[in-house]
Amino acid sequence: MVRGYLDFTIAGIGFFQLQKPDGSTAYTRKGCFSRDTAGNIVAANGWKLLPGLTIPADATDVSASADGTVTAVYSKQPWRALGQIELATFHNPEGLKRADESTIFEVTDDSGPPILGSPGRDQFGKLVSGSLEMSNVDATSEMITLLQLSRWFEGVSGAIQVIYGPVDKRSAK
């Protein structure tokens, strides 16, 4: 069993590259990866992380540094580099097209071609190993706000009825 961190967050700008079954490339910020039976680092849908990195069968621990260098302990040797994760960015990331899955994107003419680079260099964000990007919405506070707004609406609605009287639907015709 491989211990380690195959969950990554991009702290800043960039997308992970995934190889689709048809050989084309898709992009995601969802950094939840695992090891398939062949040792490839893959996304939850089974698509390979690009560039292809293989974790040896006898690896006991895997990690990635902020610059995307993936290392592992295997063959009873100390940490050894397996390769480097490469990120992609775009001149217009809002121009990417959402694929079938909500976290997968494809290139369009509006997005422009991908610009590839190493995490932590130039405009690319750093990798945070053992962490996943989460929603920027706090569901608990949003529910509290919704309840407060609902109560406010009921109060205002009640005040209007006191001032103008209840609305008789039959007389409104």
C-alpha atoms as a PDB file:
ATOM      1  CA  MET A   1       0.000   0.000   0.000  1.00  0.00           C
ATOM      2  CA  VAL A   2       1.259   3.443  -0.912  1.00  0.00           C
ATOM      3  CA  ARG A   3       1.157   6.033   1.810  1.00  0.00           C
ATOM      4  CA  GLY A   4       1.531   9.654   0.955  1.00  0.00           C
ATOM      5  CA  TYR A   5      -0.188  12.567  -0.547  1.00  0.00           C
ATOM      6  CA  LEU A   6      -1.744  12.227  -3.966  1.00  0.00           C
ATOM      7  CA  ASP A   7      -4.159  15.051  -3.169  1.00  0.00           C
ATOM      8  CA  PHE A   8      -2.925  18.405  -4.416  1.00  0.00           C
ATOM      9  CA  THR A   9      -4.151  21.979  -4.296  1.00  0.00           C
ATOM     10  CA  ILE A  10      -2.874  24.611  -6.682  1.00  0.00           C
ATOM     11  CA  ALA A  11      -2.222  27.673  -4.534  1.00  0.00           C
ATOM     12  CA  GLY A  12      -2.599  30.273  -7.260  1.00  0.00           C
ATOM     13  CA  ILE A  13      -3.096  30.088 -11.006  1.00  0.00           C
ATOM     14  CA  GLY A  14      -3.052  26.898 -13.055  1.00  0.00           C
ATOM     15  CA  PHE A  15      -4.782  23.685 -14.054  1.00  0.00           C
ATOM     16  CA  PHE A  16      -3.768  20.042 -13.905  1.00  0.00           C
ATOM     17  CA  GLN A  17      -3.597  18.339 -17.295  1.00  0.00           C
ATOM     18  CA  LEU A  18      -5.425  15.049 -17.820  1.00  0.00           C
ATOM     19  CA  GLN A  19      -5.181  12.656 -20.746  1.00  0.00           C
ATOM     20  CA  LYS A  20      -8.653  11.696 -21.938  1.00  0.00           C
ATOM     21  CA  PRO A  21      -9.311   8.182 -23.325  1.00  0.00           C
ATOM     22  CA  ASP A  22      -9.281   9.591 -26.894  1.00  0.00           C
ATOM     23  CA  GLY A  23      -5.756  10.964 -26.314  1.00  0.00           C
ATOM     24  CA  SER A  24      -6.772  14.631 -26.099  1.00  0.00           C
ATOM     25  CA  THR A  25      -6.045  16.786 -23.073  1.00  0.00           C
ATOM     26  CA  ALA A  26      -8.531  18.102 -20.519  1.00  0.00           C
ATOM     27  CA  TYR A  27      -7.891  20.468 -17.630  1.00  0.00           C
ATOM     28  CA  THR A  28      -9.006  20.532 -14.002  1.00  0.00           C
ATOM     29  CA  ARG A  29      -8.237  22.159 -10.677  1.00  0.00           C
ATOM     30  CA  LYS A  30      -9.558  19.122  -8.816  1.00  0.00           C
ATOM     31  CA  GLY A  31      -6.399  17.603  -7.377  1.00  0.00           C
ATOM     32  CA  CYS A  32      -7.801  14.337  -5.992  1.00  0.00           C
ATOM     33  CA  PHE A  33      -5.526  11.679  -7.507  1.00  0.00           C
ATOM     34  CA  SER A  34      -4.782   8.018  -6.917  1.00  0.00           C
ATOM     35  CA  ARG A  35      -2.594   5.250  -8.313  1.00  0.00           C
ATOM     36  CA  ASP A  36      -4.096   2.863 -10.882  1.00  0.00           C
ATOM     37  CA  THR A  37      -3.106  -0.807 -11.261  1.00  0.00           C
ATOM     38  CA  ALA A  38      -0.355   0.120 -13.743  1.00  0.00           C
ATOM     39  CA  GLY A  39       1.110   2.630 -11.271  1.00  0.00           C
ATOM     40  CA  ASN A  40      -0.037   5.756 -13.140  1.00  0.00           C
ATOM     41  CA  ILE A  41      -1.232   8.789 -11.214  1.00  0.00           C
ATOM     42  CA  VAL A  42      -4.871   9.196 -12.265  1.00  0.00           C
ATOM     43  CA  ALA A  43      -7.893  11.381 -11.516  1.00  0.00           C
ATOM     44  CA  ALA A  44     -11.084   9.922 -10.018  1.00  0.00           C
ATOM     45  CA  ASN A  45     -12.431   9.252 -13.535  1.00  0.00           C
ATOM     46  CA  GLY A  46      -9.310   7.193 -14.407  1.00  0.00           C
ATOM     47  CA  TRP A  47      -7.729   9.773 -16.726  1.00  0.00           C
ATOM     48  CA  LYS A  48      -3.925  10.002 -16.426  1.00  0.00           C
ATOM     49  CA  LEU A  49      -2.256  13.044 -14.940  1.00  0.00           C
ATOM     50  CA  LEU A  50       0.086  14.606 -17.519  1.00  0.00           C
ATOM     51  CA  PRO A  51       2.936  14.388 -17.935  1.00  0.00           C
ATOM     52  CA  GLY A  52       2.602  10.706 -17.149  1.00  0.00           C
ATOM     53  CA  LEU A  53       4.161   9.779 -13.833  1.00  0.00           C
ATOM     54  CA  THR A  54       4.381   6.172 -12.682  1.00  0.00           C
ATOM     55  CA  ILE A  55       4.637   5.119  -9.064  1.00  0.00           C
ATOM     56  CA  PRO A  56       6.686   1.907  -8.702  1.00  0.00           C
ATOM     57  CA  ALA A  57       4.823  -1.126  -7.381  1.00  0.00           C
ATOM     58  CA  ASP A  58       7.088  -1.348  -4.331  1.00  0.00           C
ATOM     59  CA  ALA A  59       6.688   2.329  -3.378  1.00  0.00           C
ATOM     60  CA  THR A  60       5.817   2.778   0.269  1.00  0.00           C
ATOM     61  CA  ASP A  61       5.515   6.563   0.447  1.00  0.00           C
ATOM     62  CA  VAL A  62       4.834   9.285  -2.150  1.00  0.00           C
ATOM     63  CA  SER A  63       4.968  13.069  -1.889  1.00  0.00           C
ATOM     64  CA  ALA A  64       5.101  16.174  -4.075  1.00  0.00           C
ATOM     65  CA  SER A  65       6.901  19.432  -3.376  1.00  0.00           C
ATOM     66  CA  ALA A  66       5.648  22.962  -4.066  1.00  0.00           C
ATOM     67  CA  ASP A  67       7.457  22.959  -7.424  1.00  0.00           C
ATOM     68  CA  GLY A  68       5.640  19.789  -8.534  1.00  0.00           C
ATOM     69  CA  THR A  69       8.499  17.335  -8.056  1.00  0.00           C
ATOM     70  CA  VAL A  70       6.998  13.943  -7.169  1.00  0.00           C
ATOM     71  CA  THR A  71       9.198  11.720  -5.009  1.00  0.00           C
ATOM     72  CA  ALA A  72       8.778   8.248  -3.548  1.00  0.00           C
ATOM     73  CA  VAL A  73      10.450   5.775  -1.237  1.00  0.00           C
ATOM     74  CA  TYR A  74      10.853   2.452  -3.058  1.00  0.00           C
ATOM     75  CA  SER A  75      13.233  -0.481  -3.436  1.00  0.00           C
ATOM     76  CA  LYS A  76      14.342   0.232   0.140  1.00  0.00           C
ATOM     77  CA  GLN A  77      16.013   3.408  -1.123  1.00  0.00           C
ATOM     78  CA  PRO A  78      15.565   6.900   0.312  1.00  0.00           C
ATOM     79  CA  TRP A  79      13.362   9.450  -1.458  1.00  0.00           C
ATOM     80  CA  ARG A  80      13.850   9.345  -5.224  1.00  0.00           C
ATOM     81  CA  ALA A  81      12.373  11.705  -7.805  1.00  0.00           C
ATOM     82  CA  LEU A  82       9.741  10.211 -10.145  1.00  0.00           C
ATOM     83  CA  GLY A  83       9.181  13.323 -12.249  1.00  0.00           C
ATOM     84  CA  GLN A  84       7.516  16.704 -12.133  1.00  0.00           C
ATOM     85  CA  ILE A  85       3.879  17.721 -12.418  1.00  0.00           C
ATOM     86  CA  GLU A  86       3.359  20.379 -15.058  1.00  0.00           C
ATOM     87  CA  LEU A  87       0.555  22.939 -14.876  1.00  0.00           C
ATOM     88  CA  ALA A  88      -1.310  24.738 -17.635  1.00  0.00           C
ATOM     89  CA  THR A  89      -2.714  28.240 -17.705  1.00  0.00           C
ATOM     90  CA  PHE A  90      -4.517  30.220 -20.379  1.00  0.00           C
ATOM     91  CA  HIS A  91      -4.657  33.810 -21.614  1.00  0.00           C
ATOM     92  CA  ASN A  92      -8.427  33.677 -20.977  1.00  0.00           C
ATOM     93  CA  PRO A  93      -9.304  30.836 -18.551  1.00  0.00           C
ATOM     94  CA  GLU A  94     -12.956  31.991 -18.545  1.00  0.00           C
ATOM     95  CA  GLY A  95     -13.047  30.905 -22.200  1.00  0.00           C
ATOM     96  CA  LEU A  96     -12.534  27.229 -21.321  1.00  0.00           C
ATOM     97  CA  LYS A  97     -15.498  24.971 -22.071  1.00  0.00           C
ATOM     98  CA  ARG A  98     -16.942  22.839 -19.290  1.00  0.00           C
ATOM     99  CA  ALA A  99     -16.863  19.179 -20.302  1.00  0.00           C
ATOM    100  CA  ASP A 100     -19.390  16.542 -19.219  1.00  0.00           C
ATOM    101  CA  GLU A 101     -18.088  16.658 -15.677  1.00  0.00           C
ATOM    102  CA  SER A 102     -18.381  19.929 -13.797  1.00  0.00           C
ATOM    103  CA  THR A 103     -14.696  19.983 -12.822  1.00  0.00           C
ATOM    104  CA  ILE A 104     -13.240  19.156 -16.246  1.00  0.00           C
ATOM    105  CA  PHE A 105     -12.531  21.825 -18.880  1.00  0.00           C
ATOM    106  CA  GLU A 106     -11.537  21.798 -22.548  1.00  0.00           C
ATOM    107  CA  VAL A 107      -9.697  24.350 -24.686  1.00  0.00           C
ATOM    108  CA  THR A 108     -11.686  26.684 -26.945  1.00  0.00           C
ATOM    109  CA  ASP A 109     -10.721  29.471 -29.331  1.00  0.00           C
ATOM    110  CA  ASP A 110     -11.743  31.925 -26.594  1.00  0.00           C
ATOM    111  CA  SER A 111      -9.397  30.395 -23.992  1.00  0.00           C
ATOM    112  CA  GLY A 112      -6.442  30.227 -26.328  1.00  0.00           C
ATOM    113  CA  PRO A 113      -3.866  27.429 -26.292  1.00  0.00           C
ATOM    114  CA  PRO A 114      -2.445  26.196 -22.979  1.00  0.00           C
ATOM    115  CA  ILE A 115       0.687  27.777 -21.569  1.00  0.00           C
ATOM    116  CA  LEU A 116       2.655  25.061 -19.754  1.00  0.00           C
ATOM    117  CA  GLY A 117       5.037  25.473 -16.861  1.00  0.00           C
ATOM    118  CA  SER A 118       6.287  24.299 -13.512  1.00  0.00           C
ATOM    119  CA  PRO A 119       4.389  25.044 -10.301  1.00  0.00           C
ATOM    120  CA  GLY A 120       5.800  28.032  -8.444  1.00  0.00           C
ATOM    121  CA  ARG A 121       7.443  29.574 -11.513  1.00  0.00           C
ATOM    122  CA  ASP A 122       6.384  32.636 -13.483  1.00  0.00           C
ATOM    123  CA  GLN A 123       2.594  32.992 -13.263  1.00  0.00           C
ATOM    124  CA  PHE A 124       1.936  29.443 -12.028  1.00  0.00           C
ATOM    125  CA  GLY A 125       0.687  28.633  -8.539  1.00  0.00           C
ATOM    126  CA  LYS A 126       2.511  26.336  -6.133  1.00  0.00           C
ATOM    127  CA  LEU A 127       1.391  22.814  -5.294  1.00  0.00           C
ATOM    128  CA  VAL A 128       0.254  22.010  -1.795  1.00  0.00           C
ATOM    129  CA  SER A 129       0.568  18.268  -1.186  1.00  0.00           C
ATOM    130  CA  GLY A 130      -1.999  16.499   0.995  1.00  0.00           C
ATOM    131  CA  SER A 131      -4.629  19.166   0.490  1.00  0.00           C
ATOM    132  CA  LEU A 132      -7.696  19.617  -1.710  1.00  0.00           C
ATOM    133  CA  GLU A 133      -9.181  22.816  -3.082  1.00  0.00           C
ATOM    134  CA  MET A 134     -12.516  23.447  -1.465  1.00  0.00           C
ATOM    135  CA  SER A 135     -15.503  25.571  -2.304  1.00  0.00           C
ATOM    136  CA  ASN A 136     -15.193  29.268  -1.579  1.00  0.00           C
ATOM    137  CA  VAL A 137     -18.669  29.198   0.000  1.00  0.00           C
ATOM    138  CA  ASP A 138     -19.283  28.424   3.658  1.00  0.00           C
ATOM    139  CA  ALA A 139     -22.571  26.486   3.550  1.00  0.00           C
ATOM    140  CA  THR A 140     -23.352  27.066   7.243  1.00  0.00           C
ATOM    141  CA  SER A 141     -23.052  30.850   7.106  1.00  0.00           C
ATOM    142  CA  GLU A 142     -25.023  30.953   3.825  1.00  0.00           C
ATOM    143  CA  MET A 143     -27.863  28.948   5.411  1.00  0.00           C
ATOM    144  CA  ILE A 144     -27.903  31.318   8.403  1.00  0.00           C
ATOM    145  CA  THR A 145     -28.071  34.292   6.021  1.00  0.00           C
ATOM    146  CA  LEU A 146     -30.908  32.631   4.094  1.00  0.00           C
ATOM    147  CA  LEU A 147     -32.871  32.050   7.313  1.00  0.00           C
ATOM    148  CA  GLN A 148     -32.315  35.654   8.396  1.00  0.00           C
ATOM    149  CA  LEU A 149     -33.516  36.939   5.029  1.00  0.00           C
ATOM    150  CA  SER A 150     -36.553  34.655   5.187  1.00  0.00           C
ATOM    151  CA  ARG A 151     -37.477  36.017   8.637  1.00  0.00           C
ATOM    152  CA  TRP A 152     -36.917  39.587   7.455  1.00  0.00           C
ATOM    153  CA  PHE A 153     -39.208  38.964   4.460  1.00  0.00           C
ATOM    154  CA  GLU A 154     -41.912  37.513   6.732  1.00  0.00           C
ATOM    155  CA  GLY A 155     -41.639  40.572   8.999  1.00  0.00           C
ATOM    156  CA  VAL A 156     -41.892  43.045   6.130  1.00  0.00           C
ATOM    157  CA  SER A 157     -44.760  41.067   4.609  1.00  0.00           C
ATOM    158  CA  GLY A 158     -46.594  41.142   7.950  1.00  0.00           C
ATOM    159  CA  ALA A 159     -46.022  44.909   8.289  1.00  0.00           C
ATOM    160  CA  ILE A 160     -47.447  45.501   4.805  1.00  0.00           C
ATOM    161  CA  GLN A 161     -50.530  43.483   5.694  1.00  0.00           C
ATOM    162  CA  VAL A 162     -51.015  45.523   8.883  1.00  0.00           C
ATOM    163  CA  ILE A 163     -50.755  48.796   6.952  1.00  0.00           C
ATOM    164  CA  TYR A 164     -52.732  47.874   3.835  1.00  0.00           C
ATOM    165  CA  GLY A 165     -54.765  44.934   5.088  1.00  0.00           C
ATOM    166  CA  PRO A 166     -54.681  41.382   3.829  1.00  0.00           C
ATOM    167  CA  VAL A 167     -54.795  40.898   0.088  1.00  0.00           C
ATOM    168  CA  ASP A 168     -58.116  39.416  -0.975  1.00  0.00           C
ATOM    169  CA  LYS A 169     -57.364  37.374  -4.068  1.00  0.00           C
ATOM    170  CA  ARG A 170     -60.994  37.478  -5.191  1.00  0.00           C
ATOM    171  CA  SER A 171     -61.131  41.275  -5.243  1.00  0.00           C
ATOM    172  CA  ALA A 172     -57.796  41.540  -7.082  1.00  0.00           C
ATOM    173  CA  LYS A 173     -59.429  40.276 -10.299  1.00  0.00           C
END
